[in-house]
Amino acid sequence: MKLWSSLRAFWDFVFHRSRVEREMEGEFRAHIESRAEDLERQSPPLTRTVFLFVAS
């Protein structure tokens, strides 16, 4: 089953690259937003603005 999963992931990456990139960008953005929220709870409001600016 692992081989099938790996082959499918490779197929998607090669032939559906833009979709894969959009999904990964969404994942990264979600992690960045989550981290920014964590930092915002711990420090002044400026942190979120600076962190999101640097991460973009």
PDB file of N, CA and C in Angstrom:
ATOM      1  N   MET A   1       0.819  -1.196   0.000  1.00  0.00           N
ATOM      2  CA  MET A   1       0.000   0.000   0.000  1.00  0.00           C
ATOM      3  C   MET A   1       0.862   1.259   0.000  1.00  0.00           C
ATOM      4  N   LYS A   2       1.995   1.231   0.689  1.00  0.00           N
ATOM      5  CA  LYS A   2       2.879   2.388   0.740  1.00  0.00           C
ATOM      6  C   LYS A   2       3.407   2.726  -0.662  1.00  0.00           C
ATOM      7  N   LEU A   3       3.703   1.698  -1.455  1.00  0.00           N
ATOM      8  CA  LEU A   3       4.181   1.928  -2.814  1.00  0.00           C
ATOM      9  C   LEU A   3       3.119   2.649  -3.630  1.00  0.00           C
ATOM     10  N   TRP A   4       1.872   2.200  -3.522  1.00  0.00           N
ATOM     11  CA  TRP A   4       0.782   2.841  -4.253  1.00  0.00           C
ATOM     12  C   TRP A   4       0.634   4.308  -3.838  1.00  0.00           C
ATOM     13  N   SER A   5       0.713   4.551  -2.562  1.00  0.00           N
ATOM     14  CA  SER A   5       0.604   5.908  -2.044  1.00  0.00           C
ATOM     15  C   SER A   5       1.742   6.791  -2.572  1.00  0.00           C
ATOM     16  N   SER A   6       2.943   6.251  -2.601  1.00  0.00           N
ATOM     17  CA  SER A   6       4.094   6.995  -3.114  1.00  0.00           C
ATOM     18  C   SER A   6       3.952   7.283  -4.602  1.00  0.00           C
ATOM     19  N   LEU A   7       3.497   6.296  -5.358  1.00  0.00           N
ATOM     20  CA  LEU A   7       3.298   6.492  -6.797  1.00  0.00           C
ATOM     21  C   LEU A   7       2.227   7.541  -7.067  1.00  0.00           C
ATOM     22  N   ARG A   8       1.169   7.504  -6.294  1.00  0.00           N
ATOM     23  CA  ARG A   8       0.103   8.485  -6.480  1.00  0.00           C
ATOM     24  C   ARG A   8       0.598   9.900  -6.146  1.00  0.00           C
ATOM     25  N   ALA A   9       1.355  10.027  -5.086  1.00  0.00           N
ATOM     26  CA  ALA A   9       1.903  11.334  -4.704  1.00  0.00           C
ATOM     27  C   ALA A   9       2.828  11.856  -5.800  1.00  0.00           C
ATOM     28  N   PHE A  10       3.649  10.978  -6.358  1.00  0.00           N
ATOM     29  CA  PHE A  10       4.541  11.370  -7.448  1.00  0.00           C
ATOM     30  C   PHE A  10       3.735  11.803  -8.672  1.00  0.00           C
ATOM     31  N   TRP A  11       2.718  11.027  -9.024  1.00  0.00           N
ATOM     32  CA  TRP A  11       1.848  11.352 -10.163  1.00  0.00           C
ATOM     33  C   TRP A  11       1.205  12.729  -9.972  1.00  0.00           C
ATOM     34  N   ASP A  12       0.659  12.955  -8.795  1.00  0.00           N
ATOM     35  CA  ASP A  12       0.034  14.247  -8.506  1.00  0.00           C
ATOM     36  C   ASP A  12       1.040  15.385  -8.608  1.00  0.00           C
ATOM     37  N   PHE A  13       2.239  15.154  -8.100  1.00  0.00           N
ATOM     38  CA  PHE A  13       3.250  16.203  -8.136  1.00  0.00           C
ATOM     39  C   PHE A  13       3.644  16.543  -9.571  1.00  0.00           C
ATOM     40  N   VAL A  14       3.822  15.514 -10.396  1.00  0.00           N
ATOM     41  CA  VAL A  14       4.271  15.731 -11.772  1.00  0.00           C
ATOM     42  C   VAL A  14       3.166  16.316 -12.642  1.00  0.00           C
ATOM     43  N   PHE A  15       1.956  15.758 -12.553  1.00  0.00           N
ATOM     44  CA  PHE A  15       0.905  16.133 -13.492  1.00  0.00           C
ATOM     45  C   PHE A  15      -0.114  17.126 -12.945  1.00  0.00           C
ATOM     46  N   HIS A  16      -0.096  17.338 -11.653  1.00  0.00           N
ATOM     47  CA  HIS A  16      -1.028  18.289 -11.043  1.00  0.00           C
ATOM     48  C   HIS A  16      -0.256  19.241 -10.142  1.00  0.00           C
ATOM     49  N   ARG A  17       0.862  19.681 -10.630  1.00  0.00           N
ATOM     50  CA  ARG A  17       1.790  20.460  -9.820  1.00  0.00           C
ATOM     51  C   ARG A  17       1.170  21.737  -9.255  1.00  0.00           C
ATOM     52  N   SER A  18       0.409  22.457 -10.070  1.00  0.00           N
ATOM     53  CA  SER A  18      -0.154  23.718  -9.580  1.00  0.00           C
ATOM     54  C   SER A  18      -1.126  23.480  -8.425  1.00  0.00           C
ATOM     55  N   ARG A  19      -1.891  22.392  -8.500  1.00  0.00           N
ATOM     56  CA  ARG A  19      -2.818  22.076  -7.404  1.00  0.00           C
ATOM     57  C   ARG A  19      -2.038  21.732  -6.138  1.00  0.00           C
ATOM     58  N   VAL A  20      -1.002  20.942  -6.298  1.00  0.00           N
ATOM     59  CA  VAL A  20      -0.170  20.558  -5.150  1.00  0.00           C
ATOM     60  C   VAL A  20       0.469  21.800  -4.529  1.00  0.00           C
ATOM     61  N   GLU A  21       0.972  22.701  -5.375  1.00  0.00           N
ATOM     62  CA  GLU A  21       1.585  23.921  -4.864  1.00  0.00           C
ATOM     63  C   GLU A  21       0.570  24.800  -4.134  1.00  0.00           C
ATOM     64  N   ARG A  22      -0.656  24.887  -4.656  1.00  0.00           N
ATOM     65  CA  ARG A  22      -1.698  25.669  -3.981  1.00  0.00           C
ATOM     66  C   ARG A  22      -2.017  25.057  -2.613  1.00  0.00           C
ATOM     67  N   GLU A  23      -2.113  23.725  -2.566  1.00  0.00           N
ATOM     68  CA  GLU A  23      -2.402  23.061  -1.295  1.00  0.00           C
ATOM     69  C   GLU A  23      -1.275  23.296  -0.294  1.00  0.00           C
ATOM     70  N   MET A  24      -0.029  23.201  -0.761  1.00  0.00           N
ATOM     71  CA  MET A  24       1.108  23.424   0.139  1.00  0.00           C
ATOM     72  C   MET A  24       1.150  24.873   0.602  1.00  0.00           C
ATOM     73  N   GLU A  25       0.854  25.803  -0.293  1.00  0.00           N
ATOM     74  CA  GLU A  25       0.836  27.212   0.099  1.00  0.00           C
ATOM     75  C   GLU A  25      -0.222  27.446   1.168  1.00  0.00           C
ATOM     76  N   GLY A  26      -1.375  26.802   1.010  1.00  0.00           N
ATOM     77  CA  GLY A  26      -2.419  26.916   2.025  1.00  0.00           C
ATOM     78  C   GLY A  26      -1.980  26.365   3.368  1.00  0.00           C
ATOM     79  N   GLU A  27      -1.277  25.243   3.333  1.00  0.00           N
ATOM     80  CA  GLU A  27      -0.754  24.650   4.571  1.00  0.00           C
ATOM     81  C   GLU A  27       0.250  25.582   5.238  1.00  0.00           C
ATOM     82  N   PHE A  28       1.192  26.099   4.448  1.00  0.00           N
ATOM     83  CA  PHE A  28       2.189  27.014   5.000  1.00  0.00           C
ATOM     84  C   PHE A  28       1.523  28.246   5.594  1.00  0.00           C
ATOM     85  N   ARG A  29       0.576  28.795   4.864  1.00  0.00           N
ATOM     86  CA  ARG A  29      -0.108  30.006   5.333  1.00  0.00           C
ATOM     87  C   ARG A  29      -0.845  29.724   6.647  1.00  0.00           C
ATOM     88  N   ALA A  30      -1.469  28.563   6.749  1.00  0.00           N
ATOM     89  CA  ALA A  30      -2.172  28.203   7.984  1.00  0.00           C
ATOM     90  C   ALA A  30      -1.198  28.104   9.156  1.00  0.00           C
ATOM     91  N   HIS A  31      -0.020  27.521   8.912  1.00  0.00           N
ATOM     92  CA  HIS A  31       0.979  27.415   9.981  1.00  0.00           C
ATOM     93  C   HIS A  31       1.511  28.790  10.377  1.00  0.00           C
ATOM     94  N   ILE A  32       1.730  29.639   9.395  1.00  0.00           N
ATOM     95  CA  ILE A  32       2.217  30.990   9.685  1.00  0.00           C
ATOM     96  C   ILE A  32       1.176  31.765  10.487  1.00  0.00           C
ATOM     97  N   GLU A  33      -0.092  31.662  10.071  1.00  0.00           N
ATOM     98  CA  GLU A  33      -1.166  32.338  10.811  1.00  0.00           C
ATOM     99  C   GLU A  33      -1.241  31.826  12.252  1.00  0.00           C
ATOM    100  N   SER A  34      -1.129  30.520  12.398  1.00  0.00           N
ATOM    101  CA  SER A  34      -1.189  29.927  13.739  1.00  0.00           C
ATOM    102  C   SER A  34      -0.039  30.423  14.607  1.00  0.00           C
ATOM    103  N   ARG A  35       1.149  30.461  14.037  1.00  0.00           N
ATOM    104  CA  ARG A  35       2.314  30.942  14.786  1.00  0.00           C
ATOM    105  C   ARG A  35       2.153  32.421  15.140  1.00  0.00           C
ATOM    106  N   ALA A  36       1.638  33.200  14.198  1.00  0.00           N
ATOM    107  CA  ALA A  36       1.417  34.620  14.461  1.00  0.00           C
ATOM    108  C   ALA A  36       0.426  34.807  15.605  1.00  0.00           C
ATOM    109  N   GLU A  37      -0.626  33.982  15.632  1.00  0.00           N
ATOM    110  CA  GLU A  37      -1.600  34.069  16.726  1.00  0.00           C
ATOM    111  C   GLU A  37      -0.956  33.713  18.060  1.00  0.00           C
ATOM    112  N   ASP A  38      -0.088  32.698  18.058  1.00  0.00           N
ATOM    113  CA  ASP A  38       0.627  32.332  19.287  1.00  0.00           C
ATOM    114  C   ASP A  38       1.491  33.493  19.774  1.00  0.00           C
ATOM    115  N   LEU A  39       2.210  34.099  18.857  1.00  0.00           N
ATOM    116  CA  LEU A  39       3.074  35.222  19.232  1.00  0.00           C
ATOM    117  C   LEU A  39       2.256  36.418  19.694  1.00  0.00           C
ATOM    118  N   GLU A  40       1.127  36.621  19.058  1.00  0.00           N
ATOM    119  CA  GLU A  40       0.272  37.749  19.428  1.00  0.00           C
ATOM    120  C   GLU A  40      -0.238  37.605  20.866  1.00  0.00           C
ATOM    121  N   ARG A  41      -0.566  36.393  21.260  1.00  0.00           N
ATOM    122  CA  ARG A  41      -1.031  36.163  22.626  1.00  0.00           C
ATOM    123  C   ARG A  41       0.087  36.395  23.643  1.00  0.00           C
ATOM    124  N   GLN A  42       1.330  36.233  23.210  1.00  0.00           N
ATOM    125  CA  GLN A  42       2.464  36.345  24.124  1.00  0.00           C
ATOM    126  C   GLN A  42       3.090  37.735  24.167  1.00  0.00           C
ATOM    127  N   SER A  43       2.839  38.562  23.153  1.00  0.00           N
ATOM    128  CA  SER A  43       3.543  39.840  23.084  1.00  0.00           C
ATOM    129  C   SER A  43       2.651  40.940  22.497  1.00  0.00           C
ATOM    130  N   PRO A  44       3.194  42.142  22.339  1.00  0.00           N
ATOM    131  CA  PRO A  44       2.405  43.280  21.842  1.00  0.00           C
ATOM    132  C   PRO A  44       1.831  43.037  20.436  1.00  0.00           C
ATOM    133  N   PRO A  45       0.778  43.762  20.065  1.00  0.00           N
ATOM    134  CA  PRO A  45       0.110  43.585  18.768  1.00  0.00           C
ATOM    135  C   PRO A  45       1.017  43.785  17.551  1.00  0.00           C
ATOM    136  N   LEU A  46       2.072  44.543  17.678  1.00  0.00           N
ATOM    137  CA  LEU A  46       2.953  44.784  16.554  1.00  0.00           C
ATOM    138  C   LEU A  46       3.593  43.485  16.049  1.00  0.00           C
ATOM    139  N   THR A  47       3.764  42.515  16.902  1.00  0.00           N
ATOM    140  CA  THR A  47       4.408  41.255  16.538  1.00  0.00           C
ATOM    141  C   THR A  47       3.719  40.604  15.353  1.00  0.00           C
ATOM    142  N   ARG A  48       2.399  40.565  15.344  1.00  0.00           N
ATOM    143  CA  ARG A  48       1.659  39.920  14.256  1.00  0.00           C
ATOM    144  C   ARG A  48       1.955  40.602  12.924  1.00  0.00           C
ATOM    145  N   THR A  49       1.934  41.905  12.914  1.00  0.00           N
ATOM    146  CA  THR A  49       2.193  42.641  11.683  1.00  0.00           C
ATOM    147  C   THR A  49       3.596  42.374  11.158  1.00  0.00           C
ATOM    148  N   VAL A  50       4.573  42.435  12.022  1.00  0.00           N
ATOM    149  CA  VAL A  50       5.954  42.219  11.622  1.00  0.00           C
ATOM    150  C   VAL A  50       6.155  40.782  11.170  1.00  0.00           C
ATOM    151  N   PHE A  51       5.628  39.807  11.897  1.00  0.00           N
ATOM    152  CA  PHE A  51       5.810  38.406  11.560  1.00  0.00           C
ATOM    153  C   PHE A  51       5.177  38.093  10.206  1.00  0.00           C
ATOM    154  N   LEU A  52       3.960  38.569   9.971  1.00  0.00           N
ATOM    155  CA  LEU A  52       3.295  38.297   8.699  1.00  0.00           C
ATOM    156  C   LEU A  52       3.999  38.992   7.542  1.00  0.00           C
ATOM    157  N   PHE A  53       4.526  40.186   7.791  1.00  0.00           N
ATOM    158  CA  PHE A  53       5.263  40.898   6.745  1.00  0.00           C
ATOM    159  C   PHE A  53       6.522  40.138   6.363  1.00  0.00           C
ATOM    160  N   VAL A  54       7.251  39.656   7.335  1.00  0.00           N
ATOM    161  CA  VAL A  54       8.498  38.924   7.076  1.00  0.00           C
ATOM    162  C   VAL A  54       8.194  37.587   6.425  1.00  0.00           C
ATOM    163  N   ALA A  55       7.118  36.924   6.829  1.00  0.00           N
ATOM    164  CA  ALA A  55       6.793  35.602   6.314  1.00  0.00           C
ATOM    165  C   ALA A  55       6.254  35.633   4.894  1.00  0.00           C
ATOM    166  N   SER A  56       5.762  36.762   4.431  1.00  0.00           N
ATOM    167  CA  SER A  56       5.172  36.849   3.088  1.00  0.00           C
ATOM    168  C   SER A  56       6.197  36.833   1.998  1.00  0.00           C
TER     169      SER A  56
END
